[in-house]
Amino acid sequence: MAHHNKHSGSQAEPEKAEEASDRKLTEISSELHEEVIRERDEYLDSLQRLQAEFANFRKRVLRDSEQQARRASSEVIEELLPVLDNFERAMRAAVKHDEKLLTDGVELVYNQLRDILTKRGLCEIEAEGSHFDPMQHEAVMCQPSEEHDEGTVMQVLEKGYQVQDQVVRPAKVIVSTAGDKKSGRKHDEKQPH
């Protein structure tokens, strides 16, 4: 029987070693799991803080831009108040039928308004006599012309304006087309594109 116990004892040792190995793997696996959970929670917490900071940043930028727009609007309104005052004076002169005072008042208002807008960067688009530019001009009509090259702005119907390089309103213009010199007939009116 001693032989049998020896054999069964040797089987118990590998089983114990296997159990110990399994326990050690379970401990390592549990430790790794806890470490992964801890790292995940740290990343999640960091991400949530970052999202909150970004949301606050976005709100602050929006609030700042709204305040800046209100300040700019207030500045323009403040600059235009004297123009409004002079319009009222001109209207009172019109009621009194004082033509000289009315003419002077309207001219004063025009000059004030033009100066304020010029100071703010507004400038007139040069059009008459220039080559038609669809980026700055809006062709309202085309007319045959013997005096102008084809595609020349012959007349400005409504001034165009730009601020820096951005067109605020294109100039409304009449553009020349070539006349038929052989027969004396003129081409049909065309609109440039």
C-alpha atoms as a PDB file:
ATOM      1  CA  MET A   1       0.000   0.000   0.000  1.00  0.00           C
ATOM      2  CA  ALA A   2       2.892   2.183   0.523  1.00  0.00           C
ATOM      3  CA  HIS A   3       3.466   2.112  -3.197  1.00  0.00           C
ATOM      4  CA  HIS A   4      -0.076   3.225  -3.860  1.00  0.00           C
ATOM      5  CA  ASN A   5       0.171   6.162  -1.399  1.00  0.00           C
ATOM      6  CA  LYS A   6       3.336   7.321  -3.015  1.00  0.00           C
ATOM      7  CA  HIS A   7       1.666   7.375  -6.374  1.00  0.00           C
ATOM      8  CA  SER A   8      -1.438   9.166  -5.110  1.00  0.00           C
ATOM      9  CA  GLY A   9       0.766  11.668  -3.276  1.00  0.00           C
ATOM     10  CA  SER A  10       2.526  12.530  -6.512  1.00  0.00           C
ATOM     11  CA  GLN A  11      -0.821  13.232  -8.140  1.00  0.00           C
ATOM     12  CA  ALA A  12      -1.816  15.527  -5.300  1.00  0.00           C
ATOM     13  CA  GLU A  13       1.344  17.577  -5.675  1.00  0.00           C
ATOM     14  CA  PRO A  14       0.672  18.549  -9.318  1.00  0.00           C
ATOM     15  CA  GLU A  15      -2.943  19.276  -8.376  1.00  0.00           C
ATOM     16  CA  LYS A  16      -1.765  21.553  -5.557  1.00  0.00           C
ATOM     17  CA  ALA A  17       0.704  23.222  -7.890  1.00  0.00           C
ATOM     18  CA  GLU A  18      -2.040  23.666 -10.475  1.00  0.00           C
ATOM     19  CA  GLU A  19      -4.386  25.134  -7.832  1.00  0.00           C
ATOM     20  CA  ALA A  20      -1.664  27.474  -6.643  1.00  0.00           C
ATOM     21  CA  SER A  21      -0.958  28.470 -10.218  1.00  0.00           C
ATOM     22  CA  ASP A  22      -4.673  29.046 -10.853  1.00  0.00           C
ATOM     23  CA  ARG A  23      -4.910  31.117  -7.653  1.00  0.00           C
ATOM     24  CA  LYS A  24      -1.895  33.168  -8.675  1.00  0.00           C
ATOM     25  CA  LEU A  25      -3.381  33.723 -12.159  1.00  0.00           C
ATOM     26  CA  THR A  26      -6.686  34.724 -10.589  1.00  0.00           C
ATOM     27  CA  GLU A  27      -4.876  37.186  -8.309  1.00  0.00           C
ATOM     28  CA  ILE A  28      -2.894  38.633 -11.243  1.00  0.00           C
ATOM     29  CA  SER A  29      -6.037  38.765 -13.372  1.00  0.00           C
ATOM     30  CA  SER A  30      -7.922  40.472 -10.546  1.00  0.00           C
ATOM     31  CA  GLU A  31      -5.094  42.984 -10.061  1.00  0.00           C
ATOM     32  CA  LEU A  32      -4.970  43.698 -13.806  1.00  0.00           C
ATOM     33  CA  HIS A  33      -8.740  44.070 -13.883  1.00  0.00           C
ATOM     34  CA  GLU A  34      -8.632  46.530 -10.987  1.00  0.00           C
ATOM     35  CA  GLU A  35      -5.800  48.480 -12.684  1.00  0.00           C
ATOM     36  CA  VAL A  36      -7.732  48.648 -15.972  1.00  0.00           C
ATOM     37  CA  ILE A  37     -10.877  49.803 -14.141  1.00  0.00           C
ATOM     38  CA  ARG A  38      -8.874  52.451 -12.255  1.00  0.00           C
ATOM     39  CA  GLU A  39      -7.257  53.717 -15.493  1.00  0.00           C
ATOM     40  CA  ARG A  40     -10.626  53.716 -17.249  1.00  0.00           C
ATOM     41  CA  ASP A  41     -12.159  55.761 -14.441  1.00  0.00           C
ATOM     42  CA  GLU A  42      -9.233  58.223 -14.556  1.00  0.00           C
ATOM     43  CA  TYR A  43      -9.587  58.629 -18.334  1.00  0.00           C
ATOM     44  CA  LEU A  44     -13.351  59.002 -18.050  1.00  0.00           C
ATOM     45  CA  ASP A  45     -12.970  61.614 -15.313  1.00  0.00           C
ATOM     46  CA  SER A  46     -10.351  63.448 -17.383  1.00  0.00           C
ATOM     47  CA  LEU A  47     -12.588  63.351 -20.469  1.00  0.00           C
ATOM     48  CA  GLN A  48     -15.580  64.662 -18.525  1.00  0.00           C
ATOM     49  CA  ARG A  49     -13.496  67.538 -17.129  1.00  0.00           C
ATOM     50  CA  LEU A  50     -12.201  68.316 -20.631  1.00  0.00           C
ATOM     51  CA  GLN A  51     -15.747  68.311 -22.026  1.00  0.00           C
ATOM     52  CA  ALA A  52     -16.923  70.645 -19.270  1.00  0.00           C
ATOM     53  CA  GLU A  53     -13.955  72.976 -19.859  1.00  0.00           C
ATOM     54  CA  PHE A  54     -14.663  73.011 -23.597  1.00  0.00           C
ATOM     55  CA  ALA A  55     -18.372  73.730 -23.031  1.00  0.00           C
ATOM     56  CA  ASN A  56     -17.429  76.619 -20.722  1.00  0.00           C
ATOM     57  CA  PHE A  57     -14.891  77.898 -23.270  1.00  0.00           C
ATOM     58  CA  ARG A  58     -17.494  77.778 -26.046  1.00  0.00           C
ATOM     59  CA  LYS A  59     -20.034  79.652 -23.897  1.00  0.00           C
ATOM     60  CA  ARG A  60     -17.407  82.272 -22.995  1.00  0.00           C
ATOM     61  CA  VAL A  61     -16.413  82.779 -26.647  1.00  0.00           C
ATOM     62  CA  LEU A  62     -20.073  83.120 -27.661  1.00  0.00           C
ATOM     63  CA  ARG A  63     -20.750  85.572 -24.828  1.00  0.00           C
ATOM     64  CA  ASP A  64     -17.614  87.595 -25.701  1.00  0.00           C
ATOM     65  CA  SER A  65     -18.518  87.767 -29.395  1.00  0.00           C
ATOM     66  CA  GLU A  66     -22.073  88.849 -28.550  1.00  0.00           C
ATOM     67  CA  GLN A  67     -20.706  91.561 -26.250  1.00  0.00           C
ATOM     68  CA  GLN A  68     -18.272  92.700 -28.936  1.00  0.00           C
ATOM     69  CA  ALA A  69     -21.079  92.866 -31.519  1.00  0.00           C
ATOM     70  CA  ARG A  70     -23.214  94.906 -29.081  1.00  0.00           C
ATOM     71  CA  ARG A  71     -20.288  97.275 -28.417  1.00  0.00           C
ATOM     72  CA  ALA A  72     -19.649  97.724 -32.146  1.00  0.00           C
ATOM     73  CA  SER A  73     -23.345  98.326 -32.766  1.00  0.00           C
ATOM     74  CA  SER A  74     -23.477 100.845 -29.910  1.00  0.00           C
ATOM     75  CA  GLU A  75     -20.427 102.661 -31.285  1.00  0.00           C
ATOM     76  CA  VAL A  76     -22.007 102.989 -34.739  1.00  0.00           C
ATOM     77  CA  ILE A  77     -25.314 104.142 -33.262  1.00  0.00           C
ATOM     78  CA  GLU A  78     -23.474 106.671 -31.107  1.00  0.00           C
ATOM     79  CA  GLU A  79     -21.693 108.012 -34.203  1.00  0.00           C
ATOM     80  CA  LEU A  80     -24.986 108.248 -36.105  1.00  0.00           C
ATOM     81  CA  LEU A  81     -26.897 110.184 -33.435  1.00  0.00           C
ATOM     82  CA  PRO A  82     -25.584 113.595 -34.623  1.00  0.00           C
ATOM     83  CA  VAL A  83     -26.715 112.642 -38.142  1.00  0.00           C
ATOM     84  CA  LEU A  84     -30.182 111.916 -36.761  1.00  0.00           C
ATOM     85  CA  ASP A  85     -30.159 115.293 -34.973  1.00  0.00           C
ATOM     86  CA  ASN A  86     -29.259 117.092 -38.199  1.00  0.00           C
ATOM     87  CA  PHE A  87     -31.987 115.245 -40.096  1.00  0.00           C
ATOM     88  CA  GLU A  88     -34.485 116.542 -37.548  1.00  0.00           C
ATOM     89  CA  ARG A  89     -33.150 120.091 -38.006  1.00  0.00           C
ATOM     90  CA  ALA A  90     -33.453 119.733 -41.794  1.00  0.00           C
ATOM     91  CA  MET A  91     -37.051 118.502 -41.451  1.00  0.00           C
ATOM     92  CA  ARG A  92     -37.920 121.482 -39.246  1.00  0.00           C
ATOM     93  CA  ALA A  93     -36.409 123.773 -41.907  1.00  0.00           C
ATOM     94  CA  ALA A  94     -38.566 122.033 -44.542  1.00  0.00           C
ATOM     95  CA  VAL A  95     -41.693 122.729 -42.469  1.00  0.00           C
ATOM     96  CA  LYS A  96     -40.700 126.398 -42.301  1.00  0.00           C
ATOM     97  CA  HIS A  97     -40.043 126.343 -46.077  1.00  0.00           C
ATOM     98  CA  ASP A  98     -36.521 127.695 -45.572  1.00  0.00           C
ATOM     99  CA  GLU A  99     -34.921 126.222 -48.707  1.00  0.00           C
ATOM    100  CA  LYS A 100     -31.380 127.456 -47.999  1.00  0.00           C
ATOM    101  CA  LEU A 101     -31.424 126.021 -44.478  1.00  0.00           C
ATOM    102  CA  LEU A 102     -32.953 122.772 -45.790  1.00  0.00           C
ATOM    103  CA  THR A 103     -30.341 122.420 -48.557  1.00  0.00           C
ATOM    104  CA  ASP A 104     -27.502 123.155 -46.137  1.00  0.00           C
ATOM    105  CA  GLY A 105     -28.942 120.710 -43.587  1.00  0.00           C
ATOM    106  CA  VAL A 106     -29.317 117.869 -46.076  1.00  0.00           C
ATOM    107  CA  GLU A 107     -25.772 118.452 -47.346  1.00  0.00           C
ATOM    108  CA  LEU A 108     -24.461 118.461 -43.766  1.00  0.00           C
ATOM    109  CA  VAL A 109     -26.257 115.202 -42.994  1.00  0.00           C
ATOM    110  CA  TYR A 110     -24.950 113.593 -46.197  1.00  0.00           C
ATOM    111  CA  ASN A 111     -21.362 114.643 -45.427  1.00  0.00           C
ATOM    112  CA  GLN A 112     -21.596 113.442 -41.816  1.00  0.00           C
ATOM    113  CA  LEU A 113     -22.999 110.073 -42.821  1.00  0.00           C
ATOM    114  CA  ARG A 114     -20.448 109.609 -45.612  1.00  0.00           C
ATOM    115  CA  ASP A 115     -17.581 110.512 -43.241  1.00  0.00           C
ATOM    116  CA  ILE A 116     -18.758 108.051 -40.573  1.00  0.00           C
ATOM    117  CA  LEU A 117     -19.097 105.227 -43.097  1.00  0.00           C
ATOM    118  CA  THR A 118     -15.738 106.065 -44.698  1.00  0.00           C
ATOM    119  CA  LYS A 119     -14.097 106.004 -41.276  1.00  0.00           C
ATOM    120  CA  ARG A 120     -15.628 102.546 -40.795  1.00  0.00           C
ATOM    121  CA  GLY A 121     -13.941 101.322 -44.010  1.00  0.00           C
ATOM    122  CA  LEU A 122     -16.712 101.832 -46.570  1.00  0.00           C
ATOM    123  CA  CYS A 123     -15.554 102.940 -50.017  1.00  0.00           C
ATOM    124  CA  GLU A 124     -17.309 103.437 -53.317  1.00  0.00           C
ATOM    125  CA  ILE A 125     -16.684 100.958 -56.121  1.00  0.00           C
ATOM    126  CA  GLU A 126     -15.281 102.773 -59.145  1.00  0.00           C
ATOM    127  CA  ALA A 127     -17.466 101.794 -62.053  1.00  0.00           C
ATOM    128  CA  GLU A 128     -18.121 104.347 -64.795  1.00  0.00           C
ATOM    129  CA  GLY A 129     -15.668 103.945 -67.676  1.00  0.00           C
ATOM    130  CA  SER A 130     -14.158 100.753 -66.252  1.00  0.00           C
ATOM    131  CA  HIS A 131     -14.391  97.253 -67.727  1.00  0.00           C
ATOM    132  CA  PHE A 132     -17.439  95.329 -66.469  1.00  0.00           C
ATOM    133  CA  ASP A 133     -16.491  93.130 -63.500  1.00  0.00           C
ATOM    134  CA  PRO A 134     -19.278  90.763 -62.363  1.00  0.00           C
ATOM    135  CA  MET A 135     -17.672  90.603 -58.907  1.00  0.00           C
ATOM    136  CA  GLN A 136     -18.223  94.359 -58.394  1.00  0.00           C
ATOM    137  CA  HIS A 137     -20.891  95.353 -60.914  1.00  0.00           C
ATOM    138  CA  GLU A 138     -24.441  94.217 -61.573  1.00  0.00           C
ATOM    139  CA  ALA A 139     -25.457  94.751 -65.203  1.00  0.00           C
ATOM    140  CA  VAL A 140     -29.006  96.058 -65.220  1.00  0.00           C
ATOM    141  CA  MET A 141     -28.976  96.706 -68.941  1.00  0.00           C
ATOM    142  CA  CYS A 142     -26.740  96.467 -72.010  1.00  0.00           C
ATOM    143  CA  GLN A 143     -26.726  99.080 -74.764  1.00  0.00           C
ATOM    144  CA  PRO A 144     -24.889  99.152 -78.078  1.00  0.00           C
ATOM    145  CA  SER A 145     -22.265 101.891 -78.209  1.00  0.00           C
ATOM    146  CA  GLU A 146     -19.960 103.253 -80.889  1.00  0.00           C
ATOM    147  CA  GLU A 147     -17.974 105.344 -78.363  1.00  0.00           C
ATOM    148  CA  HIS A 148     -17.199 102.603 -75.806  1.00  0.00           C
ATOM    149  CA  ASP A 149     -15.422  99.279 -76.117  1.00  0.00           C
ATOM    150  CA  GLU A 150     -17.622  96.261 -75.605  1.00  0.00           C
ATOM    151  CA  GLY A 151     -18.007  95.413 -71.909  1.00  0.00           C
ATOM    152  CA  THR A 152     -17.394  98.961 -70.669  1.00  0.00           C
ATOM    153  CA  VAL A 153     -19.539 100.418 -67.891  1.00  0.00           C
ATOM    154  CA  MET A 154     -21.275 103.325 -69.627  1.00  0.00           C
ATOM    155  CA  GLN A 155     -23.425 104.574 -66.770  1.00  0.00           C
ATOM    156  CA  VAL A 156     -23.882 103.913 -63.050  1.00  0.00           C
ATOM    157  CA  LEU A 157     -27.531 103.691 -62.008  1.00  0.00           C
ATOM    158  CA  GLU A 158     -26.795 102.969 -58.340  1.00  0.00           C
ATOM    159  CA  LYS A 159     -23.406 103.238 -56.648  1.00  0.00           C
ATOM    160  CA  GLY A 160     -21.761 100.122 -55.310  1.00  0.00           C
ATOM    161  CA  TYR A 161     -19.793  99.907 -52.078  1.00  0.00           C
ATOM    162  CA  GLN A 162     -17.257  97.666 -50.425  1.00  0.00           C
ATOM    163  CA  VAL A 163     -15.628  97.390 -47.010  1.00  0.00           C
ATOM    164  CA  GLN A 164     -11.961  96.476 -47.360  1.00  0.00           C
ATOM    165  CA  ASP A 165     -12.070  93.907 -50.199  1.00  0.00           C
ATOM    166  CA  GLN A 166     -15.600  92.614 -49.551  1.00  0.00           C
ATOM    167  CA  VAL A 167     -18.394  93.920 -51.768  1.00  0.00           C
ATOM    168  CA  VAL A 168     -21.312  95.112 -49.645  1.00  0.00           C
ATOM    169  CA  ARG A 169     -23.437  96.089 -52.640  1.00  0.00           C
ATOM    170  CA  PRO A 170     -22.422  95.827 -56.305  1.00  0.00           C
ATOM    171  CA  ALA A 171     -22.810  98.905 -58.513  1.00  0.00           C
ATOM    172  CA  LYS A 172     -25.880  98.694 -60.775  1.00  0.00           C
ATOM    173  CA  VAL A 173     -24.672  99.658 -64.216  1.00  0.00           C
ATOM    174  CA  ILE A 174     -25.406  99.897 -67.931  1.00  0.00           C
ATOM    175  CA  VAL A 175     -22.803  98.031 -69.985  1.00  0.00           C
ATOM    176  CA  SER A 176     -21.844  98.663 -73.602  1.00  0.00           C
ATOM    177  CA  THR A 177     -22.136  96.140 -76.385  1.00  0.00           C
ATOM    178  CA  ALA A 178     -20.561  96.492 -79.810  1.00  0.00           C
ATOM    179  CA  GLY A 179     -22.632  98.072 -82.626  1.00  0.00           C
ATOM    180  CA  ASP A 180     -22.769  96.430 -86.101  1.00  0.00           C
ATOM    181  CA  LYS A 181     -20.655  98.920 -88.067  1.00  0.00           C
ATOM    182  CA  LYS A 182     -21.202  97.339 -91.546  1.00  0.00           C
ATOM    183  CA  SER A 183     -24.960  97.525 -91.747  1.00  0.00           C
ATOM    184  CA  GLY A 184     -25.451 100.309 -89.261  1.00  0.00           C
ATOM    185  CA  ARG A 185     -27.593  97.917 -87.241  1.00  0.00           C
ATOM    186  CA  LYS A 186     -26.846  97.308 -83.612  1.00  0.00           C
ATOM    187  CA  HIS A 187     -26.671  93.943 -81.870  1.00  0.00           C
ATOM    188  CA  ASP A 188     -29.664  92.859 -79.857  1.00  0.00           C
ATOM    189  CA  GLU A 189     -29.411  93.888 -76.238  1.00  0.00           C
ATOM    190  CA  LYS A 190     -27.596  91.292 -74.210  1.00  0.00           C
ATOM    191  CA  GLN A 191     -27.019  90.842 -70.509  1.00  0.00           C
ATOM    192  CA  PRO A 192     -23.450  89.860 -69.496  1.00  0.00           C
ATOM    193  CA  HIS A 193     -23.244  86.970 -67.100  1.00  0.00           C
END
